[in-house]
């Protein structure tokens, strides 16, 4: 499966990330197919640089973003924010008068 995920670069204690397209069995900082952009969490606000056209192309081909990459793609405007999942409570059967006795 093809994934869009983050690849850690930078110095020890000062991480910078590249947004890359990679096969899911490959290691985090291992082999990748293409670099889509970068993410610097130390800027205020965090700086995101993404090639939106290439990212949309990979998403249309079926690439699945990791959770962190998905948040960055939303921040860059490539993906739309997913609506929050609301769990419905299971309806309990009404207590009947017979069982109350």
Foldseek 3Di string as FASTA:
>chain_A
DKEFEWAWDDDVVQTKTWTFIADVVADRNDDGDGTFWIWGVPDVNIDTDGPLVVVLVVVVVPHHYDPVVVVSCCVVVSDPDDDDDDDDDDDDDDDDPVVVD
